[in-house]
C-alpha atoms as a PDB file:
ATOM      1  CA  MET A   1      99.429 145.699 -51.491  1.00  0.00           C
ATOM      2  CA  SER A   2      97.551 146.019 -48.111  1.00  0.00           C
ATOM      3  CA  SER A   3      96.373 149.376 -46.899  1.00  0.00           C
ATOM      4  CA  VAL A   4      97.844 151.340 -43.911  1.00  0.00           C
ATOM      5  CA  VAL A   5      95.075 152.512 -41.549  1.00  0.00           C
ATOM      6  CA  CYS A   6      94.974 154.458 -38.354  1.00  0.00           C
ATOM      7  CA  ASP A   7      92.396 154.756 -35.573  1.00  0.00           C
ATOM      8  CA  ILE A   8      92.919 157.515 -33.073  1.00  0.00           C
ATOM      9  CA  SER A   9      90.603 158.958 -30.288  1.00  0.00           C
ATOM     10  CA  ILE A  10      91.018 162.706 -30.107  1.00  0.00           C
ATOM     11  CA  SER A  11      89.347 165.607 -28.199  1.00  0.00           C
ATOM     12  CA  ALA A  12      87.385 168.241 -30.135  1.00  0.00           C
ATOM     13  CA  ASP A  13      90.561 170.373 -30.099  1.00  0.00           C
ATOM     14  CA  GLY A  14      92.567 167.568 -31.661  1.00  0.00           C
ATOM     15  CA  TYR A  15      94.583 166.163 -28.690  1.00  0.00           C
ATOM     16  CA  ALA A  16      95.196 162.405 -28.353  1.00  0.00           C
ATOM     17  CA  ALA A  17      96.792 162.732 -24.914  1.00  0.00           C
ATOM     18  CA  GLY A  18      97.143 165.476 -22.236  1.00  0.00           C
ATOM     19  CA  PRO A  19     100.442 166.857 -20.800  1.00  0.00           C
ATOM     20  CA  ASN A  20     102.494 165.206 -18.039  1.00  0.00           C
ATOM     21  CA  GLN A  21     102.168 161.556 -19.227  1.00  0.00           C
ATOM     22  CA  THR A  22     103.529 159.082 -16.579  1.00  0.00           C
ATOM     23  CA  ARG A  23     103.352 155.418 -15.649  1.00  0.00           C
ATOM     24  CA  ASP A  24     100.389 156.329 -13.330  1.00  0.00           C
ATOM     25  CA  LYS A  25      98.754 158.632 -15.923  1.00  0.00           C
ATOM     26  CA  PRO A  26      99.546 157.010 -19.316  1.00  0.00           C
ATOM     27  CA  PHE A  27      97.375 159.677 -21.155  1.00  0.00           C
ATOM     28  CA  GLY A  28      98.486 162.636 -18.972  1.00  0.00           C
ATOM     29  CA  ASP A  29      96.472 165.395 -17.216  1.00  0.00           C
ATOM     30  CA  GLY A  30      92.984 166.469 -17.957  1.00  0.00           C
ATOM     31  CA  PRO A  31      89.585 164.752 -18.446  1.00  0.00           C
ATOM     32  CA  ILE A  32      91.433 162.155 -20.664  1.00  0.00           C
ATOM     33  CA  GLU A  33      89.086 159.248 -19.800  1.00  0.00           C
ATOM     34  CA  ARG A  34      86.428 161.008 -21.872  1.00  0.00           C
ATOM     35  CA  LEU A  35      88.545 160.294 -25.022  1.00  0.00           C
ATOM     36  CA  HIS A  36      88.140 156.415 -24.757  1.00  0.00           C
ATOM     37  CA  ALA A  37      84.782 156.313 -22.729  1.00  0.00           C
ATOM     38  CA  TRP A  38      82.957 155.397 -26.113  1.00  0.00           C
ATOM     39  CA  MET A  39      84.948 152.137 -26.154  1.00  0.00           C
ATOM     40  CA  PHE A  40      84.289 151.054 -22.571  1.00  0.00           C
ATOM     41  CA  ASP A  41      80.942 152.763 -21.455  1.00  0.00           C
ATOM     42  CA  THR A  42      79.071 152.153 -24.743  1.00  0.00           C
ATOM     43  CA  PRO A  43      80.849 149.277 -26.527  1.00  0.00           C
ATOM     44  CA  ASP A  44      77.540 147.809 -28.089  1.00  0.00           C
ATOM     45  CA  GLU A  45      76.770 151.123 -29.736  1.00  0.00           C
ATOM     46  CA  ASN A  46      80.379 151.180 -31.189  1.00  0.00           C
ATOM     47  CA  LYS A  47      80.957 147.517 -32.003  1.00  0.00           C
ATOM     48  CA  ALA A  48      81.729 147.975 -35.618  1.00  0.00           C
ATOM     49  CA  GLU A  49      84.405 150.722 -34.784  1.00  0.00           C
ATOM     50  CA  VAL A  50      85.961 148.663 -31.834  1.00  0.00           C
ATOM     51  CA  ASP A  51      86.148 145.532 -34.107  1.00  0.00           C
ATOM     52  CA  ALA A  52      87.810 147.537 -36.863  1.00  0.00           C
ATOM     53  CA  ILE A  53      90.528 148.837 -34.478  1.00  0.00           C
ATOM     54  CA  VAL A  54      91.888 145.215 -33.849  1.00  0.00           C
ATOM     55  CA  ALA A  55      91.195 143.815 -37.448  1.00  0.00           C
ATOM     56  CA  ALA A  56      94.620 144.593 -38.817  1.00  0.00           C
ATOM     57  CA  GLY A  57      97.154 141.926 -39.573  1.00  0.00           C
ATOM     58  CA  ALA A  58     100.029 143.831 -37.820  1.00  0.00           C
ATOM     59  CA  PHE A  59     100.364 147.030 -35.781  1.00  0.00           C
ATOM     60  CA  ILE A  60     102.832 149.842 -35.443  1.00  0.00           C
ATOM     61  CA  MET A  61     103.173 152.020 -32.260  1.00  0.00           C
ATOM     62  CA  GLY A  62     105.620 154.439 -30.687  1.00  0.00           C
ATOM     63  CA  ARG A  63     107.516 153.675 -27.603  1.00  0.00           C
ATOM     64  CA  ASN A  64     105.470 155.952 -25.519  1.00  0.00           C
ATOM     65  CA  MET A  65     102.351 154.013 -26.377  1.00  0.00           C
ATOM     66  CA  PHE A  66     104.040 150.892 -25.282  1.00  0.00           C
ATOM     67  CA  GLY A  67     105.233 152.419 -22.084  1.00  0.00           C
ATOM     68  CA  PRO A  68     106.338 155.560 -20.209  1.00  0.00           C
ATOM     69  CA  ILE A  69     110.032 154.496 -19.855  1.00  0.00           C
ATOM     70  CA  ARG A  70     112.646 156.717 -21.357  1.00  0.00           C
ATOM     71  CA  GLY A  71     116.226 155.688 -22.004  1.00  0.00           C
ATOM     72  CA  PRO A  72     117.320 152.056 -21.604  1.00  0.00           C
ATOM     73  CA  TRP A  73     114.546 149.540 -21.126  1.00  0.00           C
ATOM     74  CA  ASP A  74     113.159 148.278 -17.838  1.00  0.00           C
ATOM     75  CA  LEU A  75     112.847 144.664 -18.960  1.00  0.00           C
ATOM     76  CA  ASP A  76     110.195 144.084 -16.375  1.00  0.00           C
ATOM     77  CA  TRP A  77     107.912 146.424 -18.184  1.00  0.00           C
ATOM     78  CA  GLN A  78     105.660 144.511 -20.698  1.00  0.00           C
ATOM     79  CA  GLY A  79     103.216 147.162 -21.774  1.00  0.00           C
ATOM     80  CA  TRP A  80      99.985 148.619 -20.405  1.00  0.00           C
ATOM     81  CA  TRP A  81      97.753 145.657 -21.112  1.00  0.00           C
ATOM     82  CA  GLY A  82      98.810 142.776 -18.859  1.00  0.00           C
ATOM     83  CA  ASP A  83      99.594 139.315 -20.083  1.00  0.00           C
ATOM     84  CA  ASP A  84      97.018 139.279 -22.925  1.00  0.00           C
ATOM     85  CA  PRO A  85      97.206 142.563 -24.973  1.00  0.00           C
ATOM     86  CA  PRO A  86      94.345 143.173 -27.301  1.00  0.00           C
ATOM     87  CA  TYR A  87      96.326 143.035 -30.586  1.00  0.00           C
ATOM     88  CA  HIS A  88      96.650 139.193 -31.034  1.00  0.00           C
ATOM     89  CA  ARG A  89      98.913 139.962 -33.939  1.00  0.00           C
ATOM     90  CA  PRO A  90     102.606 141.245 -34.470  1.00  0.00           C
ATOM     91  CA  VAL A  91     103.164 144.777 -32.943  1.00  0.00           C
ATOM     92  CA  PHE A  92     106.272 146.759 -34.087  1.00  0.00           C
ATOM     93  CA  VAL A  93     107.367 149.330 -31.455  1.00  0.00           C
ATOM     94  CA  LEU A  94     109.497 152.303 -32.593  1.00  0.00           C
ATOM     95  CA  THR A  95     112.401 152.982 -30.212  1.00  0.00           C
ATOM     96  CA  HIS A  96     115.892 154.154 -30.052  1.00  0.00           C
ATOM     97  CA  HIS A  97     116.847 151.302 -27.547  1.00  0.00           C
ATOM     98  CA  PRO A  98     117.217 147.718 -28.710  1.00  0.00           C
ATOM     99  CA  ARG A  99     115.175 144.996 -26.976  1.00  0.00           C
ATOM    100  CA  ASP A 100     114.546 141.422 -27.778  1.00  0.00           C
ATOM    101  CA  PRO A 101     111.075 140.472 -29.121  1.00  0.00           C
ATOM    102  CA  LEU A 102     108.514 140.024 -26.350  1.00  0.00           C
ATOM    103  CA  PRO A 103     105.904 137.211 -27.031  1.00  0.00           C
ATOM    104  CA  MET A 104     102.652 137.502 -25.079  1.00  0.00           C
ATOM    105  CA  ARG A 105      99.571 135.461 -24.622  1.00  0.00           C
ATOM    106  CA  GLY A 106      96.975 135.480 -27.306  1.00  0.00           C
ATOM    107  CA  GLY A 107      99.392 135.899 -30.163  1.00  0.00           C
ATOM    108  CA  THR A 108     100.716 139.284 -29.665  1.00  0.00           C
ATOM    109  CA  THR A 109     104.512 139.581 -30.088  1.00  0.00           C
ATOM    110  CA  PHE A 110     106.112 143.028 -29.551  1.00  0.00           C
ATOM    111  CA  THR A 111     109.109 143.541 -31.829  1.00  0.00           C
ATOM    112  CA  PHE A 112     111.262 146.556 -31.055  1.00  0.00           C
ATOM    113  CA  VAL A 113     112.463 148.523 -34.148  1.00  0.00           C
ATOM    114  CA  THR A 114     115.354 150.830 -33.912  1.00  0.00           C
ATOM    115  CA  ASP A 115     115.937 151.753 -37.568  1.00  0.00           C
ATOM    116  CA  GLY A 116     113.043 154.033 -38.100  1.00  0.00           C
ATOM    117  CA  ILE A 117     109.401 154.248 -39.360  1.00  0.00           C
ATOM    118  CA  GLU A 118     110.185 152.871 -42.963  1.00  0.00           C
ATOM    119  CA  SER A 119     111.767 149.668 -41.519  1.00  0.00           C
ATOM    120  CA  ALA A 120     108.819 149.141 -38.970  1.00  0.00           C
ATOM    121  CA  LEU A 121     106.309 149.509 -41.886  1.00  0.00           C
ATOM    122  CA  ALA A 122     108.345 147.006 -44.066  1.00  0.00           C
ATOM    123  CA  GLN A 123     108.323 144.583 -41.236  1.00  0.00           C
ATOM    124  CA  ALA A 124     104.605 145.091 -40.432  1.00  0.00           C
ATOM    125  CA  ARG A 125     103.611 144.615 -44.161  1.00  0.00           C
ATOM    126  CA  ALA A 126     105.532 141.460 -44.335  1.00  0.00           C
ATOM    127  CA  ALA A 127     103.892 140.156 -41.181  1.00  0.00           C
ATOM    128  CA  ALA A 128     100.439 141.317 -42.157  1.00  0.00           C
ATOM    129  CA  GLY A 129     100.542 139.636 -45.595  1.00  0.00           C
ATOM    130  CA  GLU A 130      97.261 140.767 -47.476  1.00  0.00           C
ATOM    131  CA  GLN A 131      95.703 142.158 -44.262  1.00  0.00           C
ATOM    132  CA  ASP A 132      95.942 145.879 -43.357  1.00  0.00           C
ATOM    133  CA  VAL A 133      98.582 147.396 -41.232  1.00  0.00           C
ATOM    134  CA  ALA A 134      97.415 149.660 -38.464  1.00  0.00           C
ATOM    135  CA  ILE A 135      99.298 152.616 -36.916  1.00  0.00           C
ATOM    136  CA  ALA A 136      98.148 152.330 -33.449  1.00  0.00           C
ATOM    137  CA  GLY A 137      99.486 155.587 -31.943  1.00  0.00           C
ATOM    138  CA  GLY A 138     100.331 157.775 -30.202  1.00  0.00           C
ATOM    139  CA  ALA A 139      99.720 160.907 -32.073  1.00  0.00           C
ATOM    140  CA  SER A 140     103.563 161.553 -32.598  1.00  0.00           C
ATOM    141  CA  THR A 141     103.818 158.317 -34.447  1.00  0.00           C
ATOM    142  CA  VAL A 142     100.748 158.873 -36.406  1.00  0.00           C
ATOM    143  CA  ASN A 143     101.992 162.356 -37.359  1.00  0.00           C
ATOM    144  CA  GLN A 144     105.286 160.793 -38.573  1.00  0.00           C
ATOM    145  CA  TYR A 145     103.378 158.431 -40.868  1.00  0.00           C
ATOM    146  CA  LEU A 146     101.196 161.095 -42.128  1.00  0.00           C
ATOM    147  CA  ARG A 147     104.236 163.303 -42.878  1.00  0.00           C
ATOM    148  CA  ALA A 148     105.709 160.367 -44.835  1.00  0.00           C
ATOM    149  CA  GLY A 149     102.681 159.911 -46.808  1.00  0.00           C
ATOM    150  CA  HIS A 150     101.977 156.256 -45.650  1.00  0.00           C
ATOM    151  CA  ILE A 151      98.535 156.356 -44.164  1.00  0.00           C
ATOM    152  CA  ASP A 152      95.671 155.420 -46.624  1.00  0.00           C
ATOM    153  CA  GLU A 153      92.738 155.678 -44.156  1.00  0.00           C
ATOM    154  CA  LEU A 154      92.547 157.934 -41.139  1.00  0.00           C
ATOM    155  CA  ARG A 155      89.643 156.979 -38.611  1.00  0.00           C
ATOM    156  CA  THR A 156      89.210 159.596 -36.063  1.00  0.00           C
ATOM    157  CA  HIS A 157      87.097 159.187 -32.942  1.00  0.00           C
ATOM    158  CA  VAL A 158      86.285 162.662 -31.672  1.00  0.00           C
ATOM    159  CA  ALA A 159      85.105 162.968 -28.101  1.00  0.00           C
ATOM    160  CA  PRO A 160      83.081 166.060 -26.996  1.00  0.00           C
ATOM    161  CA  VAL A 161      85.732 167.341 -24.682  1.00  0.00           C
ATOM    162  CA  THR A 162      88.682 169.762 -25.016  1.00  0.00           C
ATOM    163  CA  LEU A 163      92.108 169.317 -23.435  1.00  0.00           C
ATOM    164  CA  GLY A 164      93.963 172.599 -24.361  1.00  0.00           C
ATOM    165  CA  ALA A 165      97.388 171.104 -24.319  1.00  0.00           C
ATOM    166  CA  GLY A 166      99.152 167.810 -24.853  1.00  0.00           C
ATOM    167  CA  GLU A 167     100.039 165.622 -27.846  1.00  0.00           C
ATOM    168  CA  ARG A 168      98.037 166.791 -30.809  1.00  0.00           C
ATOM    169  CA  LEU A 169      97.153 164.987 -34.140  1.00  0.00           C
ATOM    170  CA  PHE A 170      98.379 166.752 -37.154  1.00  0.00           C
ATOM    171  CA  ASP A 171     101.188 168.708 -35.393  1.00  0.00           C
ATOM    172  CA  GLY A 172     104.081 169.291 -37.821  1.00  0.00           C
ATOM    173  CA  VAL A 173     102.082 167.638 -40.586  1.00  0.00           C
ATOM    174  CA  PRO A 174     101.845 169.545 -43.943  1.00  0.00           C
ATOM    175  CA  ALA A 175      98.697 170.267 -45.734  1.00  0.00           C
ATOM    176  CA  LEU A 176      96.743 166.976 -46.547  1.00  0.00           C
ATOM    177  CA  ASP A 177      94.243 166.206 -49.161  1.00  0.00           C
ATOM    178  CA  LEU A 178      91.485 164.335 -47.240  1.00  0.00           C
ATOM    179  CA  GLU A 179      88.446 162.762 -48.630  1.00  0.00           C
ATOM    180  CA  LEU A 180      85.544 162.232 -46.229  1.00  0.00           C
ATOM    181  CA  ALA A 181      84.677 158.514 -46.378  1.00  0.00           C
ATOM    182  CA  SER A 182      82.201 158.225 -43.510  1.00  0.00           C
ATOM    183  CA  THR A 183      80.886 159.957 -40.406  1.00  0.00           C
ATOM    184  CA  ARG A 184      78.580 158.604 -37.721  1.00  0.00           C
ATOM    185  CA  GLY A 185      77.505 160.247 -34.500  1.00  0.00           C
ATOM    186  CA  ALA A 186      77.152 158.148 -31.278  1.00  0.00           C
ATOM    187  CA  THR A 187      76.411 158.915 -27.725  1.00  0.00           C
ATOM    188  CA  LEU A 188      79.987 159.701 -26.521  1.00  0.00           C
ATOM    189  CA  VAL A 189      81.813 160.161 -29.875  1.00  0.00           C
ATOM    190  CA  THR A 190      81.712 161.155 -33.432  1.00  0.00           C
ATOM    191  CA  HIS A 191      83.484 158.748 -35.887  1.00  0.00           C
ATOM    192  CA  ILE A 192      84.953 160.451 -38.849  1.00  0.00           C
ATOM    193  CA  THR A 193      86.888 158.460 -41.459  1.00  0.00           C
ATOM    194  CA  TYR A 194      89.040 160.049 -44.111  1.00  0.00           C
ATOM    195  CA  ARG A 195      90.896 158.623 -47.078  1.00  0.00           C
ATOM    196  CA  VAL A 196      94.244 160.364 -47.401  1.00  0.00           C
ATOM    197  CA  ARG A 197      94.875 161.223 -50.968  1.00  0.00           C
ATOM    198  CA  PRO A 198      98.380 160.973 -52.409  1.00  0.00           C
END
């Protein structure tokens, strides 16, 4: 069976997003650009980690990661990434509101799953075949899969900044047995990978 992996950029105090997320500020308030600067300002230095983020056979994300809309869908909204999202694979979006699948350029198709994290994982596994399934975020979605014991490898990318509030990794997650798999410091980030023991 394929592995379930997760890449998530967090602040030194564990936040993946600040408070007050909106369409204009998808990651909320605070020096949030620092969380992802390593991907955009120093991509060559972090090529292996960037490549690993999009190497999965299928992805799962929460509705807030797809867009800031609450309640019924605004069907004009097609995600943050434009016509060619970076996934180029099936993406399963957790939501309480049905929506028809949304095919995009480059091979990304967003499928909207209304019957929970187990269903999304089953669909993602079927789509991925022997490739890994990636939990793409946000922190709330990652925490749900950690609580359910479904993540095999957690790859954190820790930026040297604190946010003080917002959406935090490990909130509401019981004690985990983590095995340190690798760590690597770079100019704008420290990459820390854990295996999550059953």
